[in-house]
């Protein structure tokens, strides 16, 4: 009887894994952009990790703050040392869920709403944003754009450079996922 129970558990596990809709990437693109009077600031990070669980409608992101690359090394140094303090707070993490129906085995563009917790600079805030998942030839890609305020995450901008950095930063995310 024990062998039959173990066999049934194994079969159930295999069947549930076969129907799981897990999609992952280790190189999602995250950009932030600050438009200010003196100069625009942009930084790119191509090393964000992300996972989508299509069965549970969960989505998560994690990235190292030091992986943002700026046009000027001095901007990058100030960002890491003075603003986000990336040695002290090395990661930004998002964990949440999405609403909307997505059929992962059918090509199409699916508009979704993503809601969850964004933790940055040791501050966690709930964010909600529209996003798009596109299924094409069995491949999943995701896109989103939203704004954040550094002050909402206790990121202090010294008054001497305050006018050089926008009060709201535009964050753009693009990810190409692989089924797992």
N, C-alpha and C. Protein backbone atom coordinates (compact mmCIF):
# COMPACT_ATOMS: atom_id res chain seq x y z
N UNK A 1 0.82 -1.20 0.00
CA UNK A 1 0.00 0.00 0.00
C UNK A 1 0.87 1.26 0.00
N UNK A 2 1.98 1.26 0.76
CA UNK A 2 2.87 2.41 0.81
C UNK A 2 3.47 2.68 -0.56
N UNK A 3 3.83 1.62 -1.28
CA UNK A 3 4.42 1.78 -2.61
C UNK A 3 3.42 2.41 -3.57
N UNK A 4 2.16 2.01 -3.48
CA UNK A 4 1.13 2.57 -4.34
C UNK A 4 0.92 4.04 -4.03
N UNK A 5 0.91 4.40 -2.76
CA UNK A 5 0.74 5.79 -2.35
C UNK A 5 1.90 6.65 -2.87
N UNK A 6 3.12 6.15 -2.72
CA UNK A 6 4.29 6.88 -3.21
C UNK A 6 4.22 7.03 -4.73
N UNK A 7 3.82 5.97 -5.42
CA UNK A 7 3.71 6.02 -6.88
C UNK A 7 2.66 7.05 -7.31
N UNK A 8 1.54 7.10 -6.63
CA UNK A 8 0.49 8.07 -6.95
C UNK A 8 0.96 9.51 -6.70
N UNK A 9 1.70 9.71 -5.63
CA UNK A 9 2.23 11.04 -5.34
C UNK A 9 3.22 11.45 -6.43
N UNK A 10 4.08 10.53 -6.84
CA UNK A 10 5.04 10.82 -7.92
C UNK A 10 4.33 11.17 -9.22
N UNK A 11 3.32 10.39 -9.58
CA UNK A 11 2.57 10.65 -10.82
C UNK A 11 1.87 12.01 -10.74
N UNK A 12 1.24 12.29 -9.60
CA UNK A 12 0.57 13.58 -9.43
C UNK A 12 1.56 14.73 -9.54
N UNK A 13 2.74 14.54 -8.98
CA UNK A 13 3.78 15.57 -9.06
C UNK A 13 4.22 15.80 -10.50
N UNK A 14 4.43 14.72 -11.23
CA UNK A 14 4.85 14.84 -12.64
C UNK A 14 3.77 15.51 -13.47
N UNK A 15 2.52 15.10 -13.27
CA UNK A 15 1.41 15.69 -14.03
C UNK A 15 1.27 17.17 -13.72
N UNK A 16 1.36 17.55 -12.44
CA UNK A 16 1.20 18.97 -12.10
C UNK A 16 2.38 19.77 -12.63
N UNK A 17 3.59 19.20 -12.66
CA UNK A 17 4.74 19.89 -13.22
C UNK A 17 4.58 20.05 -14.73
N UNK A 18 4.04 19.05 -15.38
CA UNK A 18 3.86 19.11 -16.84
C UNK A 18 2.88 20.21 -17.22
N UNK A 19 1.91 20.49 -16.36
CA UNK A 19 0.93 21.53 -16.67
C UNK A 19 1.32 22.90 -16.11
N UNK A 20 2.42 22.95 -15.37
CA UNK A 20 2.86 24.23 -14.80
C UNK A 20 3.24 25.18 -15.93
N UNK A 21 2.93 26.42 -15.75
CA UNK A 21 3.26 27.44 -16.74
C UNK A 21 4.26 28.39 -16.12
N UNK A 22 5.51 27.93 -16.02
CA UNK A 22 6.58 28.74 -15.46
C UNK A 22 7.45 29.28 -16.58
N UNK A 23 7.71 30.58 -16.53
CA UNK A 23 8.53 31.25 -17.53
C UNK A 23 9.56 32.09 -16.78
N UNK A 24 10.82 31.99 -17.20
CA UNK A 24 11.89 32.67 -16.49
C UNK A 24 12.83 33.39 -17.45
N UNK A 25 13.51 34.39 -16.91
CA UNK A 25 14.59 35.06 -17.64
C UNK A 25 15.63 35.53 -16.63
N UNK A 26 16.87 35.56 -17.09
CA UNK A 26 17.96 36.07 -16.27
C UNK A 26 18.51 37.36 -16.85
N UNK A 27 17.92 37.82 -17.94
CA UNK A 27 18.43 39.04 -18.58
C UNK A 27 17.32 39.98 -19.03
N UNK A 28 16.37 40.20 -18.13
CA UNK A 28 15.34 41.20 -18.42
C UNK A 28 16.00 42.58 -18.45
N UNK A 29 15.47 43.44 -19.27
CA UNK A 29 15.98 44.80 -19.43
C UNK A 29 15.16 45.76 -18.57
N UNK A 30 15.84 46.54 -17.75
CA UNK A 30 15.19 47.57 -16.94
C UNK A 30 15.94 48.87 -17.18
N UNK A 31 15.21 49.91 -17.53
CA UNK A 31 15.78 51.23 -17.78
C UNK A 31 15.07 52.23 -16.90
N UNK A 32 15.82 53.21 -16.41
CA UNK A 32 15.13 54.35 -15.81
C UNK A 32 15.64 55.62 -16.46
N UNK A 33 14.73 56.59 -16.51
CA UNK A 33 14.99 57.82 -17.25
C UNK A 33 14.53 59.00 -16.41
N UNK A 34 15.40 60.00 -16.34
CA UNK A 34 15.09 61.24 -15.64
C UNK A 34 15.25 62.38 -16.62
N UNK A 35 14.17 63.10 -16.87
CA UNK A 35 14.24 64.27 -17.76
C UNK A 35 14.28 65.51 -16.87
N UNK A 36 15.37 66.24 -16.99
CA UNK A 36 15.51 67.45 -16.18
C UNK A 36 16.04 68.58 -17.07
N UNK A 37 15.94 69.79 -16.58
CA UNK A 37 16.32 70.97 -17.36
C UNK A 37 17.79 70.95 -17.77
N UNK A 38 18.67 70.59 -16.85
CA UNK A 38 20.10 70.63 -17.13
C UNK A 38 20.55 69.50 -18.05
N UNK A 39 20.17 68.26 -17.73
CA UNK A 39 20.50 67.12 -18.60
C UNK A 39 19.63 65.93 -18.25
N UNK A 40 19.42 65.10 -19.26
CA UNK A 40 18.66 63.87 -19.07
C UNK A 40 19.60 62.81 -18.52
N UNK A 41 19.06 61.96 -17.68
CA UNK A 41 19.83 60.86 -17.10
C UNK A 41 19.11 59.57 -17.44
N UNK A 42 19.86 58.61 -17.95
CA UNK A 42 19.29 57.31 -18.26
C UNK A 42 20.28 56.23 -17.83
N UNK A 43 19.74 55.10 -17.40
CA UNK A 43 20.58 53.98 -17.00
C UNK A 43 19.89 52.68 -17.40
N UNK A 44 20.69 51.71 -17.82
CA UNK A 44 20.17 50.42 -18.28
C UNK A 44 20.73 49.29 -17.44
N UNK A 45 19.88 48.29 -17.22
CA UNK A 45 20.28 47.09 -16.51
C UNK A 45 19.74 45.91 -17.33
N UNK A 46 20.62 45.07 -17.83
CA UNK A 46 20.23 43.91 -18.63
C UNK A 46 20.38 42.61 -17.86
N UNK A 47 20.41 42.69 -16.54
CA UNK A 47 20.66 41.51 -15.72
C UNK A 47 19.58 41.27 -14.68
N UNK A 48 18.37 41.67 -14.97
CA UNK A 48 17.28 41.44 -14.02
C UNK A 48 16.74 40.02 -14.18
N UNK A 49 16.47 39.40 -13.05
CA UNK A 49 15.85 38.08 -13.03
C UNK A 49 14.35 38.26 -12.91
N UNK A 50 13.62 37.40 -13.60
CA UNK A 50 12.16 37.47 -13.49
C UNK A 50 11.57 36.10 -13.71
N UNK A 51 10.44 35.87 -13.06
CA UNK A 51 9.71 34.62 -13.23
C UNK A 51 8.22 34.94 -13.28
N UNK A 52 7.53 34.24 -14.16
CA UNK A 52 6.06 34.31 -14.23
C UNK A 52 5.54 32.92 -13.97
N UNK A 53 4.60 32.80 -13.06
CA UNK A 53 3.88 31.55 -12.83
C UNK A 53 2.49 31.76 -13.41
N UNK A 54 2.29 31.28 -14.63
CA UNK A 54 1.02 31.48 -15.32
C UNK A 54 -0.14 30.76 -14.68
N UNK A 55 0.13 29.70 -13.94
CA UNK A 55 -0.93 28.96 -13.27
C UNK A 55 -1.50 29.76 -12.11
N UNK A 56 -0.60 30.40 -11.34
CA UNK A 56 -1.04 31.18 -10.17
C UNK A 56 -1.16 32.67 -10.45
N UNK A 57 -0.75 33.09 -11.66
CA UNK A 57 -0.76 34.50 -12.06
C UNK A 57 0.16 35.35 -11.19
N UNK A 58 1.30 34.78 -10.79
CA UNK A 58 2.30 35.50 -10.01
C UNK A 58 3.44 35.96 -10.90
N UNK A 59 4.07 37.05 -10.51
CA UNK A 59 5.23 37.55 -11.24
C UNK A 59 6.20 38.16 -10.24
N UNK A 60 7.49 37.98 -10.51
CA UNK A 60 8.51 38.52 -9.60
C UNK A 60 9.71 38.98 -10.41
N UNK A 61 10.40 40.00 -9.89
CA UNK A 61 11.62 40.54 -10.47
C UNK A 61 12.63 40.74 -9.35
N UNK A 62 13.91 40.61 -9.69
CA UNK A 62 14.98 40.93 -8.77
C UNK A 62 16.16 41.42 -9.60
N UNK A 63 16.79 42.50 -9.13
CA UNK A 63 17.96 43.00 -9.85
C UNK A 63 18.94 43.62 -8.89
N UNK A 64 20.21 43.59 -9.28
CA UNK A 64 21.26 44.25 -8.51
C UNK A 64 21.35 45.70 -8.95
N UNK A 65 21.35 46.60 -8.00
CA UNK A 65 21.41 48.03 -8.32
C UNK A 65 22.72 48.40 -9.01
N UNK A 66 23.81 47.72 -8.66
CA UNK A 66 25.11 48.02 -9.28
C UNK A 66 25.16 47.61 -10.74
N UNK A 67 24.17 46.90 -11.23
CA UNK A 67 24.16 46.47 -12.62
C UNK A 67 23.61 47.54 -13.57
N UNK A 68 23.16 48.68 -13.03
CA UNK A 68 22.74 49.78 -13.90
C UNK A 68 23.98 50.44 -14.50
N UNK A 69 23.94 50.64 -15.80
CA UNK A 69 25.04 51.27 -16.53
C UNK A 69 24.57 52.64 -17.01
N UNK A 70 25.35 53.66 -16.69
CA UNK A 70 25.04 55.05 -17.05
C UNK A 70 25.93 55.50 -18.21
N UNK A 71 25.55 56.60 -18.83
CA UNK A 71 26.36 57.17 -19.91
C UNK A 71 27.67 57.74 -19.38
N UNK A 72 27.64 58.22 -18.15
CA UNK A 72 28.83 58.82 -17.54
C UNK A 72 29.17 58.06 -16.26
N UNK A 73 30.44 57.73 -16.10
CA UNK A 73 30.89 56.99 -14.93
C UNK A 73 30.60 57.75 -13.63
N UNK A 74 30.73 59.07 -13.66
CA UNK A 74 30.49 59.85 -12.45
C UNK A 74 29.03 59.72 -12.00
N UNK A 75 28.10 59.71 -12.95
CA UNK A 75 26.68 59.52 -12.61
C UNK A 75 26.48 58.15 -11.95
N UNK A 76 27.13 57.16 -12.51
CA UNK A 76 27.01 55.80 -11.98
C UNK A 76 27.57 55.73 -10.56
N UNK A 77 28.70 56.35 -10.33
CA UNK A 77 29.30 56.38 -9.00
C UNK A 77 28.38 57.07 -8.00
N UNK A 78 27.84 58.23 -8.36
CA UNK A 78 26.94 58.96 -7.45
C UNK A 78 25.67 58.16 -7.17
N UNK A 79 25.14 57.54 -8.20
CA UNK A 79 23.94 56.70 -8.06
C UNK A 79 24.18 55.61 -7.01
N UNK A 80 25.27 54.88 -7.16
CA UNK A 80 25.55 53.75 -6.27
C UNK A 80 25.99 54.17 -4.88
N UNK A 81 26.82 55.20 -4.79
CA UNK A 81 27.39 55.59 -3.49
C UNK A 81 26.48 56.53 -2.70
N UNK A 82 25.89 57.51 -3.36
CA UNK A 82 25.17 58.57 -2.65
C UNK A 82 23.66 58.43 -2.63
N UNK A 83 23.08 57.84 -3.66
CA UNK A 83 21.63 57.83 -3.76
C UNK A 83 21.03 56.50 -3.33
N UNK A 84 21.27 55.43 -4.09
CA UNK A 84 20.66 54.14 -3.73
C UNK A 84 21.49 53.35 -2.74
N UNK A 85 22.70 53.81 -2.47
CA UNK A 85 23.58 53.15 -1.50
C UNK A 85 23.61 51.64 -1.75
N UNK A 86 24.05 51.27 -2.94
CA UNK A 86 23.95 49.89 -3.38
C UNK A 86 24.80 48.90 -2.58
N UNK A 87 25.81 49.36 -1.87
CA UNK A 87 26.53 48.44 -0.98
C UNK A 87 25.66 48.05 0.22
N UNK A 88 24.88 48.99 0.70
CA UNK A 88 24.00 48.76 1.84
C UNK A 88 22.68 48.11 1.42
N UNK A 89 22.14 48.52 0.27
CA UNK A 89 20.87 48.02 -0.26
C UNK A 89 21.11 47.52 -1.69
N UNK A 90 21.66 46.33 -1.85
CA UNK A 90 22.13 45.88 -3.17
C UNK A 90 21.05 45.54 -4.18
N UNK A 91 19.84 45.21 -3.73
CA UNK A 91 18.82 44.71 -4.67
C UNK A 91 17.56 45.57 -4.67
N UNK A 92 16.89 45.51 -5.80
CA UNK A 92 15.50 45.95 -5.90
C UNK A 92 14.70 44.69 -6.22
N UNK A 93 13.56 44.53 -5.56
CA UNK A 93 12.77 43.31 -5.71
C UNK A 93 11.30 43.68 -5.88
N UNK A 94 10.65 43.00 -6.81
CA UNK A 94 9.20 43.13 -6.97
C UNK A 94 8.59 41.75 -6.87
N UNK A 95 7.49 41.65 -6.15
CA UNK A 95 6.76 40.39 -6.04
C UNK A 95 5.28 40.72 -6.05
N UNK A 96 4.55 40.11 -6.97
CA UNK A 96 3.13 40.41 -7.03
C UNK A 96 2.38 39.44 -7.92
N UNK A 97 1.26 39.91 -8.39
CA UNK A 97 0.37 39.09 -9.21
C UNK A 97 -0.19 39.96 -10.32
N UNK A 98 -0.76 39.29 -11.32
CA UNK A 98 -1.39 40.04 -12.41
C UNK A 98 -2.83 39.59 -12.58
N UNK A 99 -3.64 40.49 -13.10
CA UNK A 99 -5.02 40.17 -13.42
C UNK A 99 -5.15 40.23 -14.94
N UNK A 100 -6.09 39.53 -15.43
CA UNK A 100 -6.30 39.44 -16.87
C UNK A 100 -6.06 38.01 -17.31
N UNK A 101 -6.71 37.62 -18.37
CA UNK A 101 -6.58 36.26 -18.87
C UNK A 101 -5.48 36.19 -19.92
N UNK A 102 -4.54 35.28 -19.71
CA UNK A 102 -3.45 35.06 -20.64
C UNK A 102 -3.46 33.57 -21.00
N UNK A 103 -3.51 33.29 -22.29
CA UNK A 103 -3.45 31.91 -22.76
C UNK A 103 -2.04 31.68 -23.30
N UNK A 104 -1.21 31.01 -22.52
CA UNK A 104 0.20 30.88 -22.84
C UNK A 104 0.47 29.96 -24.03
N UNK A 105 -0.52 29.18 -24.44
CA UNK A 105 -0.32 28.32 -25.61
C UNK A 105 -1.04 28.86 -26.86
N UNK A 106 -1.41 30.15 -26.82
CA UNK A 106 -2.08 30.77 -27.96
C UNK A 106 -1.45 32.12 -28.23
N UNK A 107 -1.00 32.34 -29.48
CA UNK A 107 -0.40 33.62 -29.84
C UNK A 107 -1.38 34.76 -29.60
N UNK A 108 -0.85 35.85 -29.11
CA UNK A 108 -1.67 37.02 -28.89
C UNK A 108 -0.97 38.03 -28.00
N UNK A 109 -1.57 39.22 -27.95
CA UNK A 109 -1.09 40.28 -27.07
C UNK A 109 -2.13 40.43 -25.97
N UNK A 110 -1.67 40.31 -24.73
CA UNK A 110 -2.57 40.30 -23.59
C UNK A 110 -2.26 41.48 -22.69
N UNK A 111 -3.25 42.32 -22.48
CA UNK A 111 -3.12 43.46 -21.57
C UNK A 111 -3.44 42.96 -20.16
N UNK A 112 -2.55 43.25 -19.23
CA UNK A 112 -2.73 42.81 -17.85
C UNK A 112 -2.50 43.99 -16.91
N UNK A 113 -2.91 43.83 -15.68
CA UNK A 113 -2.60 44.78 -14.61
C UNK A 113 -1.76 44.02 -13.59
N UNK A 114 -0.61 44.59 -13.28
CA UNK A 114 0.31 43.98 -12.32
C UNK A 114 0.23 44.78 -11.02
N UNK A 115 0.10 44.07 -9.91
CA UNK A 115 0.05 44.73 -8.60
C UNK A 115 0.88 43.91 -7.62
N UNK A 116 1.70 44.64 -6.85
CA UNK A 116 2.51 43.93 -5.87
C UNK A 116 3.40 44.88 -5.10
N UNK A 117 4.37 44.30 -4.42
CA UNK A 117 5.28 45.06 -3.56
C UNK A 117 6.62 45.28 -4.26
N UNK A 118 7.01 46.55 -4.35
CA UNK A 118 8.33 46.92 -4.86
C UNK A 118 9.17 47.34 -3.66
N UNK A 119 10.29 46.64 -3.47
CA UNK A 119 11.22 46.99 -2.40
C UNK A 119 12.47 47.57 -3.03
N UNK A 120 12.78 48.79 -2.63
CA UNK A 120 13.93 49.53 -3.14
C UNK A 120 14.48 50.36 -1.99
N UNK A 121 15.77 50.32 -1.77
CA UNK A 121 16.42 51.12 -0.72
C UNK A 121 15.81 50.80 0.65
N UNK A 122 15.46 49.52 0.83
CA UNK A 122 14.89 49.00 2.08
C UNK A 122 13.51 49.57 2.40
N UNK A 123 12.81 50.06 1.40
CA UNK A 123 11.44 50.56 1.56
C UNK A 123 10.56 49.75 0.63
N UNK A 124 9.45 49.25 1.15
CA UNK A 124 8.51 48.47 0.36
C UNK A 124 7.23 49.27 0.18
N UNK A 125 6.81 49.38 -1.06
CA UNK A 125 5.57 50.09 -1.39
C UNK A 125 4.77 49.25 -2.38
N UNK A 126 3.45 49.34 -2.28
CA UNK A 126 2.58 48.67 -3.23
C UNK A 126 2.51 49.52 -4.49
N UNK A 127 2.72 48.87 -5.64
CA UNK A 127 2.56 49.56 -6.91
C UNK A 127 1.59 48.76 -7.77
N UNK A 128 0.93 49.47 -8.67
CA UNK A 128 0.01 48.85 -9.62
C UNK A 128 0.24 49.51 -10.96
N UNK A 129 0.35 48.69 -12.01
CA UNK A 129 0.66 49.25 -13.31
C UNK A 129 0.14 48.37 -14.43
N UNK A 130 -0.15 48.98 -15.57
CA UNK A 130 -0.53 48.18 -16.74
C UNK A 130 0.72 47.57 -17.37
N UNK A 131 0.56 46.41 -17.94
CA UNK A 131 1.66 45.73 -18.62
C UNK A 131 1.08 44.93 -19.78
N UNK A 132 1.97 44.43 -20.61
CA UNK A 132 1.57 43.63 -21.75
C UNK A 132 2.39 42.35 -21.78
N UNK A 133 1.73 41.23 -21.96
CA UNK A 133 2.40 39.97 -22.24
C UNK A 133 2.07 39.59 -23.67
N UNK A 134 3.09 39.24 -24.43
CA UNK A 134 2.87 38.81 -25.81
C UNK A 134 3.36 37.37 -25.96
N UNK A 135 2.49 36.54 -26.51
CA UNK A 135 2.83 35.16 -26.80
C UNK A 135 2.96 35.05 -28.32
N UNK A 136 4.11 34.59 -28.77
CA UNK A 136 4.33 34.45 -30.21
C UNK A 136 5.21 33.23 -30.45
N UNK A 137 4.66 32.28 -31.17
CA UNK A 137 5.38 31.03 -31.48
C UNK A 137 5.90 30.34 -30.22
N UNK A 138 5.09 30.36 -29.18
CA UNK A 138 5.47 29.69 -27.94
C UNK A 138 6.41 30.48 -27.04
N UNK A 139 6.80 31.68 -27.46
CA UNK A 139 7.70 32.51 -26.66
C UNK A 139 6.90 33.61 -25.98
N UNK A 140 7.33 33.95 -24.76
CA UNK A 140 6.63 34.95 -23.95
C UNK A 140 7.52 36.17 -23.78
N UNK A 141 6.97 37.34 -24.07
CA UNK A 141 7.69 38.58 -23.78
C UNK A 141 6.76 39.50 -23.00
N UNK A 142 7.37 40.31 -22.15
CA UNK A 142 6.59 41.22 -21.32
C UNK A 142 7.13 42.63 -21.41
N UNK A 143 6.25 43.61 -21.32
CA UNK A 143 6.62 45.03 -21.36
C UNK A 143 5.78 45.79 -20.35
N UNK A 144 6.44 46.76 -19.71
CA UNK A 144 5.72 47.63 -18.78
C UNK A 144 6.48 48.95 -18.67
N UNK A 145 5.75 49.98 -18.29
CA UNK A 145 6.36 51.28 -18.03
C UNK A 145 5.57 51.94 -16.90
N UNK A 146 6.31 52.53 -15.95
CA UNK A 146 5.67 53.19 -14.82
C UNK A 146 6.63 54.24 -14.28
N UNK A 147 6.15 55.04 -13.35
CA UNK A 147 7.00 56.07 -12.74
C UNK A 147 7.14 55.81 -11.24
N UNK A 148 8.29 56.24 -10.72
CA UNK A 148 8.51 56.19 -9.28
C UNK A 148 9.14 57.50 -8.84
N UNK A 149 8.94 57.82 -7.59
CA UNK A 149 9.54 59.01 -6.99
C UNK A 149 10.64 58.56 -6.04
N UNK A 150 11.86 59.02 -6.22
CA UNK A 150 12.94 58.63 -5.29
C UNK A 150 12.58 58.88 -3.83
N UNK A 151 11.90 59.98 -3.54
CA UNK A 151 11.55 60.30 -2.15
C UNK A 151 10.63 59.26 -1.52
N UNK A 152 9.81 58.56 -2.36
CA UNK A 152 8.94 57.51 -1.83
C UNK A 152 9.73 56.33 -1.28
N UNK A 153 10.98 56.21 -1.68
CA UNK A 153 11.84 55.11 -1.25
C UNK A 153 13.00 55.61 -0.39
N UNK A 154 12.80 56.75 0.23
CA UNK A 154 13.80 57.36 1.12
C UNK A 154 15.15 57.55 0.44
N UNK A 155 15.11 57.86 -0.84
CA UNK A 155 16.33 58.18 -1.58
C UNK A 155 16.45 59.69 -1.59
N UNK A 156 17.45 60.18 -0.88
CA UNK A 156 17.64 61.62 -0.74
C UNK A 156 18.50 62.16 -1.87
N UNK A 157 18.03 63.23 -2.46
CA UNK A 157 18.78 63.94 -3.49
C UNK A 157 19.22 65.26 -2.88
N UNK A 158 20.53 65.50 -2.78
CA UNK A 158 21.01 66.75 -2.19
C UNK A 158 20.46 67.96 -2.95
N UNK A 159 20.16 69.02 -2.22
CA UNK A 159 19.55 70.21 -2.81
C UNK A 159 20.42 70.82 -3.91
N UNK A 160 21.74 70.67 -3.80
CA UNK A 160 22.63 71.28 -4.80
C UNK A 160 22.44 70.65 -6.20
N UNK A 161 21.97 69.39 -6.26
CA UNK A 161 21.74 68.74 -7.56
C UNK A 161 20.26 68.38 -7.76
N UNK A 162 19.41 68.80 -6.85
CA UNK A 162 17.99 68.44 -6.90
C UNK A 162 17.34 68.82 -8.24
N UNK A 163 17.70 69.96 -8.80
CA UNK A 163 17.10 70.38 -10.06
C UNK A 163 17.64 69.60 -11.26
N UNK A 164 18.70 68.84 -11.06
CA UNK A 164 19.29 68.04 -12.14
C UNK A 164 18.62 66.68 -12.30
N UNK A 165 17.78 66.32 -11.34
CA UNK A 165 17.13 65.00 -11.36
C UNK A 165 15.63 65.21 -11.27
N UNK A 166 14.90 64.54 -12.15
CA UNK A 166 13.44 64.68 -12.17
C UNK A 166 12.83 64.17 -10.86
N UNK A 167 11.71 64.75 -10.49
CA UNK A 167 11.01 64.32 -9.27
C UNK A 167 10.41 62.94 -9.45
N UNK A 168 10.08 62.58 -10.70
CA UNK A 168 9.58 61.25 -11.02
C UNK A 168 10.47 60.65 -12.11
N UNK A 169 10.85 59.39 -11.91
CA UNK A 169 11.66 58.68 -12.88
C UNK A 169 10.77 57.71 -13.64
N UNK A 170 10.97 57.61 -14.93
CA UNK A 170 10.24 56.66 -15.74
C UNK A 170 11.03 55.36 -15.79
N UNK A 171 10.36 54.26 -15.45
CA UNK A 171 10.98 52.94 -15.46
C UNK A 171 10.35 52.13 -16.59
N UNK A 172 11.20 51.55 -17.43
CA UNK A 172 10.75 50.72 -18.55
C UNK A 172 11.30 49.32 -18.35
N UNK A 173 10.44 48.33 -18.56
CA UNK A 173 10.84 46.92 -18.41
C UNK A 173 10.49 46.18 -19.69
N UNK A 174 11.46 45.39 -20.17
CA UNK A 174 11.25 44.51 -21.32
C UNK A 174 11.89 43.16 -20.97
N UNK A 175 11.12 42.10 -21.10
CA UNK A 175 11.64 40.79 -20.74
C UNK A 175 11.20 39.73 -21.75
N UNK A 176 12.13 38.87 -22.10
CA UNK A 176 11.86 37.71 -22.95
C UNK A 176 12.07 36.46 -22.10
N UNK A 177 11.00 35.69 -21.95
CA UNK A 177 10.99 34.56 -21.04
C UNK A 177 11.17 33.24 -21.77
N UNK A 178 11.71 32.26 -21.03
CA UNK A 178 11.86 30.90 -21.52
C UNK A 178 11.03 30.01 -20.63
N UNK A 179 10.29 29.07 -21.22
CA UNK A 179 9.46 28.14 -20.44
C UNK A 179 10.34 27.19 -19.65
N UNK A 180 9.90 26.92 -18.42
CA UNK A 180 10.61 25.96 -17.56
C UNK A 180 9.62 24.96 -16.99
